[in-house]
Amino acid sequence: MTEQPAPVPSDRPDMWLAVIEDMRARRRVGIDRYKTPLQPFNGRDPERDRYEEILDWLVYTRQAMTERRMLLDLIEDARLLLAELRPGGSRFPLAVRVTRWQDQCRNLLGEAPSPSLPGI
C-alpha cells in the first residue's frame, strides 16, 4: 500500500477533541447506569463485553455503508431526472449545479466524481 497524502487543514472540528468529549460523555453514561466507573476485576467478562461491542460496531458500520449507498443512489437519480427534463437546454444551469453538488458529495464521501452525461 502506498502512503496517504497529508491531511489538508480546514476550519472543521478537531476530531481528537470530539472523541475526547464523546469519551467523557460515555463515561458519565456508564457511571449513571452502573454507579461506578469502569474498573478492572469488576465481576464482568471484558472479552464478552468487547465482543458484543464489536458486533454492535459491525452492524452500525453496515448501516452507515447502506445509508451512504442509498444517498448516492438518490443523488444519481436526481441528476438523471434533471437531464431528462432538459428540453432545449432550458434546465441546463440547474443540471450543472446538481452535477457539481453531486460531485462535491461524492468527494466528501471519498468517491470519484461521476462522468458527465452527454450534453451536460
PDB file of N, CA and C in Angstrom:
ATOM      1  N   MET A   1       0.841  -1.182   0.000  1.00  0.00           N
ATOM      2  CA  MET A   1       0.000   0.000   0.000  1.00  0.00           C
ATOM      3  C   MET A   1       0.885   1.244   0.000  1.00  0.00           C
ATOM      4  N   THR A   2       0.420   2.250  -0.685  1.00  0.00           N
ATOM      5  CA  THR A   2       1.168   3.498  -0.720  1.00  0.00           C
ATOM      6  C   THR A   2       0.727   4.394   0.426  1.00  0.00           C
ATOM      7  N   GLU A   3       1.610   5.293   0.804  1.00  0.00           N
ATOM      8  CA  GLU A   3       1.325   6.237   1.882  1.00  0.00           C
ATOM      9  C   GLU A   3       0.231   7.203   1.437  1.00  0.00           C
ATOM     10  N   GLN A   4      -0.665   7.530   2.323  1.00  0.00           N
ATOM     11  CA  GLN A   4      -1.709   8.502   2.022  1.00  0.00           C
ATOM     12  C   GLN A   4      -1.129   9.911   2.063  1.00  0.00           C
ATOM     13  N   PRO A   5      -1.745  10.854   1.351  1.00  0.00           N
ATOM     14  CA  PRO A   5      -1.261  12.237   1.420  1.00  0.00           C
ATOM     15  C   PRO A   5      -1.536  12.821   2.801  1.00  0.00           C
ATOM     16  N   ALA A   6      -0.802  13.864   3.130  1.00  0.00           N
ATOM     17  CA  ALA A   6      -1.019  14.557   4.409  1.00  0.00           C
ATOM     18  C   ALA A   6      -2.421  15.164   4.414  1.00  0.00           C
ATOM     19  N   PRO A   7      -3.045  15.259   5.581  1.00  0.00           N
ATOM     20  CA  PRO A   7      -4.376  15.870   5.641  1.00  0.00           C
ATOM     21  C   PRO A   7      -4.311  17.359   5.294  1.00  0.00           C
ATOM     22  N   VAL A   8      -5.383  17.842   4.695  1.00  0.00           N
ATOM     23  CA  VAL A   8      -5.480  19.249   4.329  1.00  0.00           C
ATOM     24  C   VAL A   8      -6.163  19.990   5.478  1.00  0.00           C
ATOM     25  N   PRO A   9      -5.523  21.032   6.025  1.00  0.00           N
ATOM     26  CA  PRO A   9      -6.142  21.791   7.113  1.00  0.00           C
ATOM     27  C   PRO A   9      -7.459  22.435   6.667  1.00  0.00           C
ATOM     28  N   SER A  10      -8.384  22.564   7.609  1.00  0.00           N
ATOM     29  CA  SER A  10      -9.668  23.203   7.312  1.00  0.00           C
ATOM     30  C   SER A  10     -10.182  23.871   8.574  1.00  0.00           C
ATOM     31  N   ASP A  11     -11.344  24.496   8.465  1.00  0.00           N
ATOM     32  CA  ASP A  11     -11.972  25.119   9.626  1.00  0.00           C
ATOM     33  C   ASP A  11     -12.982  24.188  10.290  1.00  0.00           C
ATOM     34  N   ARG A  12     -12.923  22.909   9.946  1.00  0.00           N
ATOM     35  CA  ARG A  12     -13.838  21.921  10.518  1.00  0.00           C
ATOM     36  C   ARG A  12     -13.362  21.509  11.913  1.00  0.00           C
ATOM     37  N   PRO A  13     -14.238  20.856  12.687  1.00  0.00           N
ATOM     38  CA  PRO A  13     -13.896  20.495  14.076  1.00  0.00           C
ATOM     39  C   PRO A  13     -12.699  19.554  14.182  1.00  0.00           C
ATOM     40  N   ASP A  14     -11.986  19.662  15.294  1.00  0.00           N
ATOM     41  CA  ASP A  14     -10.862  18.780  15.636  1.00  0.00           C
ATOM     42  C   ASP A  14     -11.447  17.441  16.091  1.00  0.00           C
ATOM     43  N   MET A  15     -11.176  16.383  15.370  1.00  0.00           N
ATOM     44  CA  MET A  15     -11.757  15.081  15.667  1.00  0.00           C
ATOM     45  C   MET A  15     -11.234  14.492  16.967  1.00  0.00           C
ATOM     46  N   TRP A  16      -9.982  14.764  17.329  1.00  0.00           N
ATOM     47  CA  TRP A  16      -9.449  14.287  18.611  1.00  0.00           C
ATOM     48  C   TRP A  16     -10.263  14.879  19.756  1.00  0.00           C
ATOM     49  N   LEU A  17     -10.508  16.178  19.699  1.00  0.00           N
ATOM     50  CA  LEU A  17     -11.279  16.815  20.770  1.00  0.00           C
ATOM     51  C   LEU A  17     -12.710  16.292  20.802  1.00  0.00           C
ATOM     52  N   ALA A  18     -13.272  16.025  19.629  1.00  0.00           N
ATOM     53  CA  ALA A  18     -14.628  15.476  19.575  1.00  0.00           C
ATOM     54  C   ALA A  18     -14.687  14.098  20.221  1.00  0.00           C
ATOM     55  N   VAL A  19     -13.690  13.252  19.944  1.00  0.00           N
ATOM     56  CA  VAL A  19     -13.660  11.902  20.530  1.00  0.00           C
ATOM     57  C   VAL A  19     -13.446  11.979  22.039  1.00  0.00           C
ATOM     58  N   ILE A  20     -12.568  12.867  22.483  1.00  0.00           N
ATOM     59  CA  ILE A  20     -12.330  13.021  23.922  1.00  0.00           C
ATOM     60  C   ILE A  20     -13.624  13.442  24.615  1.00  0.00           C
ATOM     61  N   GLU A  21     -14.354  14.371  24.018  1.00  0.00           N
ATOM     62  CA  GLU A  21     -15.636  14.797  24.596  1.00  0.00           C
ATOM     63  C   GLU A  21     -16.640  13.647  24.593  1.00  0.00           C
ATOM     64  N   ASP A  22     -16.659  12.868  23.505  1.00  0.00           N
ATOM     65  CA  ASP A  22     -17.541  11.695  23.453  1.00  0.00           C
ATOM     66  C   ASP A  22     -17.180  10.701  24.559  1.00  0.00           C
ATOM     67  N   MET A  23     -15.879  10.512  24.802  1.00  0.00           N
ATOM     68  CA  MET A  23     -15.444   9.579  25.847  1.00  0.00           C
ATOM     69  C   MET A  23     -15.882  10.070  27.226  1.00  0.00           C
ATOM     70  N   ARG A  24     -15.771  11.363  27.447  1.00  0.00           N
ATOM     71  CA  ARG A  24     -16.224  11.918  28.739  1.00  0.00           C
ATOM     72  C   ARG A  24     -17.725  11.696  28.927  1.00  0.00           C
ATOM     73  N   ALA A  25     -18.479  11.956  27.864  1.00  0.00           N
ATOM     74  CA  ALA A  25     -19.928  11.766  27.939  1.00  0.00           C
ATOM     75  C   ALA A  25     -20.273  10.285  28.136  1.00  0.00           C
ATOM     76  N   ARG A  26     -19.563   9.416  27.437  1.00  0.00           N
ATOM     77  CA  ARG A  26     -19.822   7.975  27.558  1.00  0.00           C
ATOM     78  C   ARG A  26     -19.477   7.472  28.956  1.00  0.00           C
ATOM     79  N   ARG A  27     -18.387   7.992  29.523  1.00  0.00           N
ATOM     80  CA  ARG A  27     -18.014   7.631  30.895  1.00  0.00           C
ATOM     81  C   ARG A  27     -19.130   8.028  31.858  1.00  0.00           C
ATOM     82  N   ARG A  28     -19.685   9.216  31.639  1.00  0.00           N
ATOM     83  CA  ARG A  28     -20.772   9.701  32.501  1.00  0.00           C
ATOM     84  C   ARG A  28     -21.982   8.778  32.392  1.00  0.00           C
ATOM     85  N   VAL A  29     -22.307   8.320  31.182  1.00  0.00           N
ATOM     86  CA  VAL A  29     -23.424   7.383  30.992  1.00  0.00           C
ATOM     87  C   VAL A  29     -23.167   6.106  31.786  1.00  0.00           C
ATOM     88  N   GLY A  30     -21.939   5.588  31.702  1.00  0.00           N
ATOM     89  CA  GLY A  30     -21.590   4.371  32.430  1.00  0.00           C
ATOM     90  C   GLY A  30     -21.714   4.544  33.935  1.00  0.00           C
ATOM     91  N   ILE A  31     -21.241   5.672  34.440  1.00  0.00           N
ATOM     92  CA  ILE A  31     -21.332   5.924  35.891  1.00  0.00           C
ATOM     93  C   ILE A  31     -22.790   6.074  36.301  1.00  0.00           C
ATOM     94  N   ASP A  32     -23.575   6.790  35.502  1.00  0.00           N
ATOM     95  CA  ASP A  32     -25.000   6.949  35.826  1.00  0.00           C
ATOM     96  C   ASP A  32     -25.724   5.605  35.801  1.00  0.00           C
ATOM     97  N   ARG A  33     -25.383   4.771  34.830  1.00  0.00           N
ATOM     98  CA  ARG A  33     -26.063   3.483  34.675  1.00  0.00           C
ATOM     99  C   ARG A  33     -25.620   2.473  35.737  1.00  0.00           C
ATOM    100  N   TYR A  34     -24.296   2.365  35.948  1.00  0.00           N
ATOM    101  CA  TYR A  34     -23.756   1.307  36.816  1.00  0.00           C
ATOM    102  C   TYR A  34     -23.294   1.804  38.183  1.00  0.00           C
ATOM    103  N   LYS A  35     -23.363   3.114  38.389  1.00  0.00           N
ATOM    104  CA  LYS A  35     -22.994   3.741  39.675  1.00  0.00           C
ATOM    105  C   LYS A  35     -21.510   3.611  40.005  1.00  0.00           C
ATOM    106  N   THR A  36     -20.683   3.354  38.990  1.00  0.00           N
ATOM    107  CA  THR A  36     -19.231   3.241  39.183  1.00  0.00           C
ATOM    108  C   THR A  36     -18.557   3.384  37.825  1.00  0.00           C
ATOM    109  N   PRO A  37     -17.336   3.933  37.793  1.00  0.00           N
ATOM    110  CA  PRO A  37     -16.609   3.939  36.516  1.00  0.00           C
ATOM    111  C   PRO A  37     -16.154   2.515  36.169  1.00  0.00           C
ATOM    112  N   LEU A  38     -15.773   2.320  34.949  1.00  0.00           N
ATOM    113  CA  LEU A  38     -15.264   1.013  34.527  1.00  0.00           C
ATOM    114  C   LEU A  38     -13.896   0.784  35.162  1.00  0.00           C
ATOM    115  N   GLN A  39     -13.794  -0.321  35.882  1.00  0.00           N
ATOM    116  CA  GLN A  39     -12.558  -0.654  36.591  1.00  0.00           C
ATOM    117  C   GLN A  39     -12.238  -2.125  36.377  1.00  0.00           C
ATOM    118  N   PRO A  40     -10.954  -2.510  36.530  1.00  0.00           N
ATOM    119  CA  PRO A  40     -10.603  -3.927  36.363  1.00  0.00           C
ATOM    120  C   PRO A  40     -11.201  -4.790  37.472  1.00  0.00           C
ATOM    121  N   PHE A  41     -11.376  -6.043  37.162  1.00  0.00           N
ATOM    122  CA  PHE A  41     -11.892  -7.039  38.113  1.00  0.00           C
ATOM    123  C   PHE A  41     -13.215  -6.589  38.732  1.00  0.00           C
ATOM    124  N   ASN A  42     -14.135  -6.183  37.855  1.00  0.00           N
ATOM    125  CA  ASN A  42     -15.418  -5.657  38.315  1.00  0.00           C
ATOM    126  C   ASN A  42     -16.538  -6.695  38.277  1.00  0.00           C
ATOM    127  N   GLY A  43     -16.195  -7.962  38.033  1.00  0.00           N
ATOM    128  CA  GLY A  43     -17.197  -9.017  38.028  1.00  0.00           C
ATOM    129  C   GLY A  43     -17.788  -9.301  36.659  1.00  0.00           C
ATOM    130  N   ARG A  44     -17.402  -8.529  35.652  1.00  0.00           N
ATOM    131  CA  ARG A  44     -17.890  -8.757  34.296  1.00  0.00           C
ATOM    132  C   ARG A  44     -16.795  -9.402  33.455  1.00  0.00           C
ATOM    133  N   ASP A  45     -17.196 -10.015  32.357  1.00  0.00           N
ATOM    134  CA  ASP A  45     -16.257 -10.638  31.429  1.00  0.00           C
ATOM    135  C   ASP A  45     -15.919  -9.606  30.344  1.00  0.00           C
ATOM    136  N   PRO A  46     -14.738  -8.977  30.411  1.00  0.00           N
ATOM    137  CA  PRO A  46     -14.419  -7.920  29.445  1.00  0.00           C
ATOM    138  C   PRO A  46     -14.313  -8.438  28.005  1.00  0.00           C
ATOM    139  N   GLU A  47     -13.917  -9.690  27.820  1.00  0.00           N
ATOM    140  CA  GLU A  47     -13.850 -10.218  26.459  1.00  0.00           C
ATOM    141  C   GLU A  47     -15.244 -10.348  25.859  1.00  0.00           C
ATOM    142  N   ARG A  48     -16.207 -10.773  26.644  1.00  0.00           N
ATOM    143  CA  ARG A  48     -17.583 -10.852  26.152  1.00  0.00           C
ATOM    144  C   ARG A  48     -18.125  -9.451  25.877  1.00  0.00           C
ATOM    145  N   ASP A  49     -17.874  -8.513  26.797  1.00  0.00           N
ATOM    146  CA  ASP A  49     -18.303  -7.126  26.572  1.00  0.00           C
ATOM    147  C   ASP A  49     -17.705  -6.584  25.276  1.00  0.00           C
ATOM    148  N   ARG A  50     -16.404  -6.812  25.088  1.00  0.00           N
ATOM    149  CA  ARG A  50     -15.723  -6.328  23.881  1.00  0.00           C
ATOM    150  C   ARG A  50     -16.332  -6.973  22.641  1.00  0.00           C
ATOM    151  N   TYR A  51     -16.538  -8.281  22.671  1.00  0.00           N
ATOM    152  CA  TYR A  51     -17.111  -8.990  21.533  1.00  0.00           C
ATOM    153  C   TYR A  51     -18.493  -8.434  21.189  1.00  0.00           C
ATOM    154  N   GLU A  52     -19.325  -8.230  22.199  1.00  0.00           N
ATOM    155  CA  GLU A  52     -20.664  -7.700  21.948  1.00  0.00           C
ATOM    156  C   GLU A  52     -20.601  -6.283  21.387  1.00  0.00           C
ATOM    157  N   GLU A  53     -19.655  -5.491  21.874  1.00  0.00           N
ATOM    158  CA  GLU A  53     -19.476  -4.133  21.343  1.00  0.00           C
ATOM    159  C   GLU A  53     -19.019  -4.177  19.888  1.00  0.00           C
ATOM    160  N   ILE A  54     -18.140  -5.123  19.549  1.00  0.00           N
ATOM    161  CA  ILE A  54     -17.678  -5.265  18.163  1.00  0.00           C
ATOM    162  C   ILE A  54     -18.849  -5.663  17.258  1.00  0.00           C
ATOM    163  N   LEU A  55     -19.703  -6.565  17.727  1.00  0.00           N
ATOM    164  CA  LEU A  55     -20.877  -6.932  16.935  1.00  0.00           C
ATOM    165  C   LEU A  55     -21.749  -5.707  16.676  1.00  0.00           C
ATOM    166  N   ASP A  56     -21.973  -4.900  17.708  1.00  0.00           N
ATOM    167  CA  ASP A  56     -22.743  -3.662  17.534  1.00  0.00           C
ATOM    168  C   ASP A  56     -22.055  -2.748  16.519  1.00  0.00           C
ATOM    169  N   TRP A  57     -20.727  -2.607  16.653  1.00  0.00           N
ATOM    170  CA  TRP A  57     -19.969  -1.750  15.746  1.00  0.00           C
ATOM    171  C   TRP A  57     -20.128  -2.221  14.296  1.00  0.00           C
ATOM    172  N   LEU A  58     -20.073  -3.534  14.087  1.00  0.00           N
ATOM    173  CA  LEU A  58     -20.232  -4.068  12.734  1.00  0.00           C
ATOM    174  C   LEU A  58     -21.608  -3.740  12.159  1.00  0.00           C
ATOM    175  N   VAL A  59     -22.628  -3.865  12.975  1.00  0.00           N
ATOM    176  CA  VAL A  59     -23.977  -3.562  12.498  1.00  0.00           C
ATOM    177  C   VAL A  59     -24.103  -2.077  12.172  1.00  0.00           C
ATOM    178  N   TYR A  60     -23.569  -1.210  13.033  1.00  0.00           N
ATOM    179  CA  TYR A  60     -23.619   0.229  12.762  1.00  0.00           C
ATOM    180  C   TYR A  60     -22.811   0.582  11.520  1.00  0.00           C
ATOM    181  N   THR A  61     -21.690  -0.100  11.314  1.00  0.00           N
ATOM    182  CA  THR A  61     -20.880   0.143  10.121  1.00  0.00           C
ATOM    183  C   THR A  61     -21.655  -0.245   8.871  1.00  0.00           C
ATOM    184  N   ARG A  62     -22.316  -1.397   8.913  1.00  0.00           N
ATOM    185  CA  ARG A  62     -23.121  -1.840   7.766  1.00  0.00           C
ATOM    186  C   ARG A  62     -24.270  -0.877   7.513  1.00  0.00           C
ATOM    187  N   GLN A  63     -24.876  -0.371   8.571  1.00  0.00           N
ATOM    188  CA  GLN A  63     -25.949   0.610   8.427  1.00  0.00           C
ATOM    189  C   GLN A  63     -25.421   1.864   7.732  1.00  0.00           C
ATOM    190  N   ALA A  64     -24.277   2.357   8.171  1.00  0.00           N
ATOM    191  CA  ALA A  64     -23.694   3.560   7.569  1.00  0.00           C
ATOM    192  C   ALA A  64     -23.357   3.332   6.100  1.00  0.00           C
ATOM    193  N   MET A  65     -22.814   2.165   5.769  1.00  0.00           N
ATOM    194  CA  MET A  65     -22.489   1.858   4.381  1.00  0.00           C
ATOM    195  C   MET A  65     -23.755   1.824   3.521  1.00  0.00           C
ATOM    196  N   THR A  66     -24.814   1.219   4.048  1.00  0.00           N
ATOM    197  CA  THR A  66     -26.076   1.130   3.319  1.00  0.00           C
ATOM    198  C   THR A  66     -26.677   2.515   3.112  1.00  0.00           C
ATOM    199  N   GLU A  67     -26.676   3.331   4.165  1.00  0.00           N
ATOM    200  CA  GLU A  67     -27.228   4.676   4.050  1.00  0.00           C
ATOM    201  C   GLU A  67     -26.434   5.513   3.057  1.00  0.00           C
ATOM    202  N   ARG A  68     -25.117   5.382   3.073  1.00  0.00           N
ATOM    203  CA  ARG A  68     -24.264   6.116   2.134  1.00  0.00           C
ATOM    204  C   ARG A  68     -24.614   5.735   0.701  1.00  0.00           C
ATOM    205  N   ARG A  69     -24.713   4.443   0.430  1.00  0.00           N
ATOM    206  CA  ARG A  69     -25.046   3.981  -0.915  1.00  0.00           C
ATOM    207  C   ARG A  69     -26.419   4.477  -1.331  1.00  0.00           C
ATOM    208  N   MET A  70     -27.397   4.423  -0.415  1.00  0.00           N
ATOM    209  CA  MET A  70     -28.745   4.865  -0.743  1.00  0.00           C
ATOM    210  C   MET A  70     -28.761   6.363  -1.057  1.00  0.00           C
ATOM    211  N   LEU A  71     -28.024   7.162  -0.310  1.00  0.00           N
ATOM    212  CA  LEU A  71     -27.962   8.598  -0.575  1.00  0.00           C
ATOM    213  C   LEU A  71     -27.300   8.882  -1.923  1.00  0.00           C
ATOM    214  N   LEU A  72     -26.224   8.176  -2.216  1.00  0.00           N
ATOM    215  CA  LEU A  72     -25.576   8.365  -3.515  1.00  0.00           C
ATOM    216  C   LEU A  72     -26.496   7.957  -4.658  1.00  0.00           C
ATOM    217  N   ASP A  73     -27.269   6.894  -4.468  1.00  0.00           N
ATOM    218  CA  ASP A  73     -28.227   6.478  -5.498  1.00  0.00           C
ATOM    219  C   ASP A  73     -29.297   7.548  -5.705  1.00  0.00           C
ATOM    220  N   LEU A  74     -29.760   8.169  -4.608  1.00  0.00           N
ATOM    221  CA  LEU A  74     -30.750   9.244  -4.731  1.00  0.00           C
ATOM    222  C   LEU A  74     -30.173  10.435  -5.488  1.00  0.00           C
ATOM    223  N   ILE A  75     -28.938  10.760  -5.207  1.00  0.00           N
ATOM    224  CA  ILE A  75     -28.283  11.871  -5.902  1.00  0.00           C
ATOM    225  C   ILE A  75     -28.199  11.561  -7.395  1.00  0.00           C
ATOM    226  N   GLU A  76     -27.801  10.355  -7.726  1.00  0.00           N
ATOM    227  CA  GLU A  76     -27.694   9.969  -9.130  1.00  0.00           C
ATOM    228  C   GLU A  76     -29.052   9.993  -9.809  1.00  0.00           C
ATOM    229  N   ASP A  77     -30.092   9.528  -9.128  1.00  0.00           N
ATOM    230  CA  ASP A  77     -31.439   9.561  -9.690  1.00  0.00           C
ATOM    231  C   ASP A  77     -31.878  10.989  -9.982  1.00  0.00           C
ATOM    232  N   ALA A  78     -31.611  11.909  -9.073  1.00  0.00           N
ATOM    233  CA  ALA A  78     -31.969  13.312  -9.283  1.00  0.00           C
ATOM    234  C   ALA A  78     -31.219  13.885 -10.474  1.00  0.00           C
ATOM    235  N   ARG A  79     -29.978  13.542 -10.606  1.00  0.00           N
ATOM    236  CA  ARG A  79     -29.165  14.031 -11.727  1.00  0.00           C
ATOM    237  C   ARG A  79     -29.718  13.523 -13.060  1.00  0.00           C
ATOM    238  N   LEU A  80     -30.043  12.246 -13.110  1.00  0.00           N
ATOM    239  CA  LEU A  80     -30.597  11.682 -14.342  1.00  0.00           C
ATOM    240  C   LEU A  80     -31.954  12.295 -14.678  1.00  0.00           C
ATOM    241  N   LEU A  81     -32.791  12.516 -13.674  1.00  0.00           N
ATOM    242  CA  LEU A  81     -34.092  13.129 -13.900  1.00  0.00           C
ATOM    243  C   LEU A  81     -33.930  14.533 -14.462  1.00  0.00           C
ATOM    244  N   LEU A  82     -33.032  15.299 -13.896  1.00  0.00           N
ATOM    245  CA  LEU A  82     -32.810  16.652 -14.411  1.00  0.00           C
ATOM    246  C   LEU A  82     -32.325  16.632 -15.854  1.00  0.00           C
ATOM    247  N   ALA A  83     -31.502  15.647 -16.177  1.00  0.00           N
ATOM    248  CA  ALA A  83     -31.038  15.536 -17.560  1.00  0.00           C
ATOM    249  C   ALA A  83     -32.208  15.251 -18.501  1.00  0.00           C
ATOM    250  N   GLU A  84     -33.148  14.447 -18.055  1.00  0.00           N
ATOM    251  CA  GLU A  84     -34.315  14.129 -18.885  1.00  0.00           C
ATOM    252  C   GLU A  84     -35.271  15.304 -19.014  1.00  0.00           C
ATOM    253  N   LEU A  85     -35.325  16.168 -18.008  1.00  0.00           N
ATOM    254  CA  LEU A  85     -36.245  17.306 -18.006  1.00  0.00           C
ATOM    255  C   LEU A  85     -35.700  18.508 -18.771  1.00  0.00           C
ATOM    256  N   ARG A  86     -34.623  18.336 -19.470  1.00  0.00           N
ATOM    257  CA  ARG A  86     -33.957  19.455 -20.113  1.00  0.00           C
ATOM    258  C   ARG A  86     -34.383  19.595 -21.575  1.00  0.00           C
ATOM    259  N   PRO A  87     -35.597  20.103 -21.839  1.00  0.00           N
ATOM    260  CA  PRO A  87     -35.991  20.300 -23.235  1.00  0.00           C
ATOM    261  C   PRO A  87     -35.313  21.550 -23.791  1.00  0.00           C
ATOM    262  N   GLY A  88     -34.548  21.378 -24.798  1.00  0.00           N
ATOM    263  CA  GLY A  88     -33.890  22.516 -25.441  1.00  0.00           C
ATOM    264  C   GLY A  88     -32.897  23.237 -24.559  1.00  0.00           C
ATOM    265  N   GLY A  89     -32.459  22.619 -23.517  1.00  0.00           N
ATOM    266  CA  GLY A  89     -31.428  23.228 -22.669  1.00  0.00           C
ATOM    267  C   GLY A  89     -31.944  24.203 -21.637  1.00  0.00           C
ATOM    268  N   SER A  90     -33.270  24.284 -21.449  1.00  0.00           N
ATOM    269  CA  SER A  90     -33.804  25.278 -20.524  1.00  0.00           C
ATOM    270  C   SER A  90     -33.394  25.023 -19.072  1.00  0.00           C
ATOM    271  N   ARG A  91     -33.095  23.783 -18.724  1.00  0.00           N
ATOM    272  CA  ARG A  91     -32.713  23.465 -17.346  1.00  0.00           C
ATOM    273  C   ARG A  91     -31.214  23.203 -17.219  1.00  0.00           C
ATOM    274  N   PHE A  92     -30.457  23.536 -18.219  1.00  0.00           N
ATOM    275  CA  PHE A  92     -29.023  23.256 -18.218  1.00  0.00           C
ATOM    276  C   PHE A  92     -28.312  23.816 -16.992  1.00  0.00           C
ATOM    277  N   PRO A  93     -28.511  25.116 -16.640  1.00  0.00           N
ATOM    278  CA  PRO A  93     -27.773  25.626 -15.469  1.00  0.00           C
ATOM    279  C   PRO A  93     -28.097  24.855 -14.181  1.00  0.00           C
ATOM    280  N   LEU A  94     -29.348  24.477 -13.982  1.00  0.00           N
ATOM    281  CA  LEU A  94     -29.709  23.716 -12.793  1.00  0.00           C
ATOM    282  C   LEU A  94     -29.051  22.341 -12.817  1.00  0.00           C
ATOM    283  N   ALA A  95     -29.053  21.697 -13.962  1.00  0.00           N
ATOM    284  CA  ALA A  95     -28.417  20.379 -14.076  1.00  0.00           C
ATOM    285  C   ALA A  95     -26.925  20.465 -13.787  1.00  0.00           C
ATOM    286  N   VAL A  96     -26.288  21.529 -14.242  1.00  0.00           N
ATOM    287  CA  VAL A  96     -24.861  21.713 -13.970  1.00  0.00           C
ATOM    288  C   VAL A  96     -24.636  21.888 -12.473  1.00  0.00           C
ATOM    289  N   ARG A  97     -25.492  22.675 -11.841  1.00  0.00           N
ATOM    290  CA  ARG A  97     -25.345  22.882 -10.388  1.00  0.00           C
ATOM    291  C   ARG A  97     -25.546  21.578  -9.632  1.00  0.00           C
ATOM    292  N   VAL A  98     -26.529  20.778 -10.035  1.00  0.00           N
ATOM    293  CA  VAL A  98     -26.765  19.499  -9.372  1.00  0.00           C
ATOM    294  C   VAL A  98     -25.578  18.567  -9.593  1.00  0.00           C
ATOM    295  N   THR A  99     -25.030  18.549 -10.808  1.00  0.00           N
ATOM    296  CA  THR A  99     -23.869  17.707 -11.098  1.00  0.00           C
ATOM    297  C   THR A  99     -22.690  18.113 -10.217  1.00  0.00           C
ATOM    298  N   ARG A 100     -22.462  19.407 -10.105  1.00  0.00           N
ATOM    299  CA  ARG A 100     -21.373  19.872  -9.243  1.00  0.00           C
ATOM    300  C   ARG A 100     -21.628  19.509  -7.790  1.00  0.00           C
ATOM    301  N   TRP A 101     -22.890  19.642  -7.348  1.00  0.00           N
ATOM    302  CA  TRP A 101     -23.244  19.285  -5.974  1.00  0.00           C
ATOM    303  C   TRP A 101     -23.031  17.793  -5.745  1.00  0.00           C
ATOM    304  N   GLN A 102     -23.446  16.997  -6.725  1.00  0.00           N
ATOM    305  CA  GLN A 102     -23.260  15.547  -6.616  1.00  0.00           C
ATOM    306  C   GLN A 102     -21.773  15.221  -6.494  1.00  0.00           C
ATOM    307  N   ASP A 103     -20.949  15.845  -7.319  1.00  0.00           N
ATOM    308  CA  ASP A 103     -19.514  15.571  -7.272  1.00  0.00           C
ATOM    309  C   ASP A 103     -18.914  16.024  -5.940  1.00  0.00           C
ATOM    310  N   GLN A 104     -19.403  17.118  -5.382  1.00  0.00           N
ATOM    311  CA  GLN A 104     -18.916  17.554  -4.062  1.00  0.00           C
ATOM    312  C   GLN A 104     -19.299  16.530  -2.993  1.00  0.00           C
ATOM    313  N   CYS A 105     -20.513  16.010  -3.067  1.00  0.00           N
ATOM    314  CA  CYS A 105     -20.942  14.984  -2.107  1.00  0.00           C
ATOM    315  C   CYS A 105     -20.085  13.732  -2.244  1.00  0.00           C
ATOM    316  N   ARG A 106     -19.847  13.308  -3.477  1.00  0.00           N
ATOM    317  CA  ARG A 106     -19.010  12.134  -3.699  1.00  0.00           C
ATOM    318  C   ARG A 106     -17.599  12.380  -3.171  1.00  0.00           C
ATOM    319  N   ASN A 107     -17.085  13.587  -3.383  1.00  0.00           N
ATOM    320  CA  ASN A 107     -15.756  13.927  -2.890  1.00  0.00           C
ATOM    321  C   ASN A 107     -15.716  13.868  -1.363  1.00  0.00           C
ATOM    322  N   LEU A 108     -16.744  14.410  -0.701  1.00  0.00           N
ATOM    323  CA  LEU A 108     -16.798  14.354   0.761  1.00  0.00           C
ATOM    324  C   LEU A 108     -16.841  12.917   1.267  1.00  0.00           C
ATOM    325  N   LEU A 109     -17.462  12.040   0.494  1.00  0.00           N
ATOM    326  CA  LEU A 109     -17.574  10.636   0.880  1.00  0.00           C
ATOM    327  C   LEU A 109     -16.391   9.799   0.401  1.00  0.00           C
ATOM    328  N   GLY A 110     -15.414  10.455  -0.254  1.00  0.00           N
ATOM    329  CA  GLY A 110     -14.221   9.742  -0.689  1.00  0.00           C
ATOM    330  C   GLY A 110     -14.392   8.964  -1.975  1.00  0.00           C
ATOM    331  N   GLU A 111     -15.380   9.331  -2.798  1.00  0.00           N
ATOM    332  CA  GLU A 111     -15.588   8.642  -4.067  1.00  0.00           C
ATOM    333  C   GLU A 111     -15.216   9.566  -5.220  1.00  0.00           C
ATOM    334  N   ALA A 112     -14.865   8.974  -6.331  1.00  0.00           N
ATOM    335  CA  ALA A 112     -14.500   9.745  -7.518  1.00  0.00           C
ATOM    336  C   ALA A 112     -15.731  10.410  -8.106  1.00  0.00           C
ATOM    337  N   PRO A 113     -15.561  11.594  -8.713  1.00  0.00           N
ATOM    338  CA  PRO A 113     -16.696  12.240  -9.382  1.00  0.00           C
ATOM    339  C   PRO A 113     -17.239  11.352 -10.486  1.00  0.00           C
ATOM    340  N   SER A 114     -18.526  11.476 -10.731  1.00  0.00           N
ATOM    341  CA  SER A 114     -19.153  10.691 -11.790  1.00  0.00           C
ATOM    342  C   SER A 114     -18.860  11.325 -13.145  1.00  0.00           C
ATOM    343  N   PRO A 115     -18.821  10.522 -14.199  1.00  0.00           N
ATOM    344  CA  PRO A 115     -18.612  11.094 -15.525  1.00  0.00           C
ATOM    345  C   PRO A 115     -19.824  11.935 -15.933  1.00  0.00           C
ATOM    346  N   SER A 116     -19.577  12.995 -16.655  1.00  0.00           N
ATOM    347  CA  SER A 116     -20.671  13.864 -17.100  1.00  0.00           C
ATOM    348  C   SER A 116     -21.550  13.142 -18.111  1.00  0.00           C
ATOM    349  N   LEU A 117     -22.836  13.459 -18.058  1.00  0.00           N
ATOM    350  CA  LEU A 117     -23.753  12.936 -19.057  1.00  0.00           C
ATOM    351  C   LEU A 117     -23.566  13.714 -20.352  1.00  0.00           C
ATOM    352  N   PRO A 118     -23.833  13.115 -21.494  1.00  0.00           N
ATOM    353  CA  PRO A 118     -23.718  13.856 -22.752  1.00  0.00           C
ATOM    354  C   PRO A 118     -24.611  15.083 -22.723  1.00  0.00           C
ATOM    355  N   GLY A 119     -24.055  16.203 -23.099  1.00  0.00           N
ATOM    356  CA  GLY A 119     -24.815  17.444 -23.160  1.00  0.00           C
ATOM    357  C   GLY A 119     -24.916  18.186 -21.862  1.00  0.00           C
ATOM    358  N   ILE A 120     -24.306  17.663 -20.794  1.00  0.00           N
ATOM    359  CA  ILE A 120     -24.369  18.375 -19.506  1.00  0.00           C
ATOM    360  C   ILE A 120     -22.960  18.808 -19.141  1.00  0.00           C
TER     361      ILE A 120
END
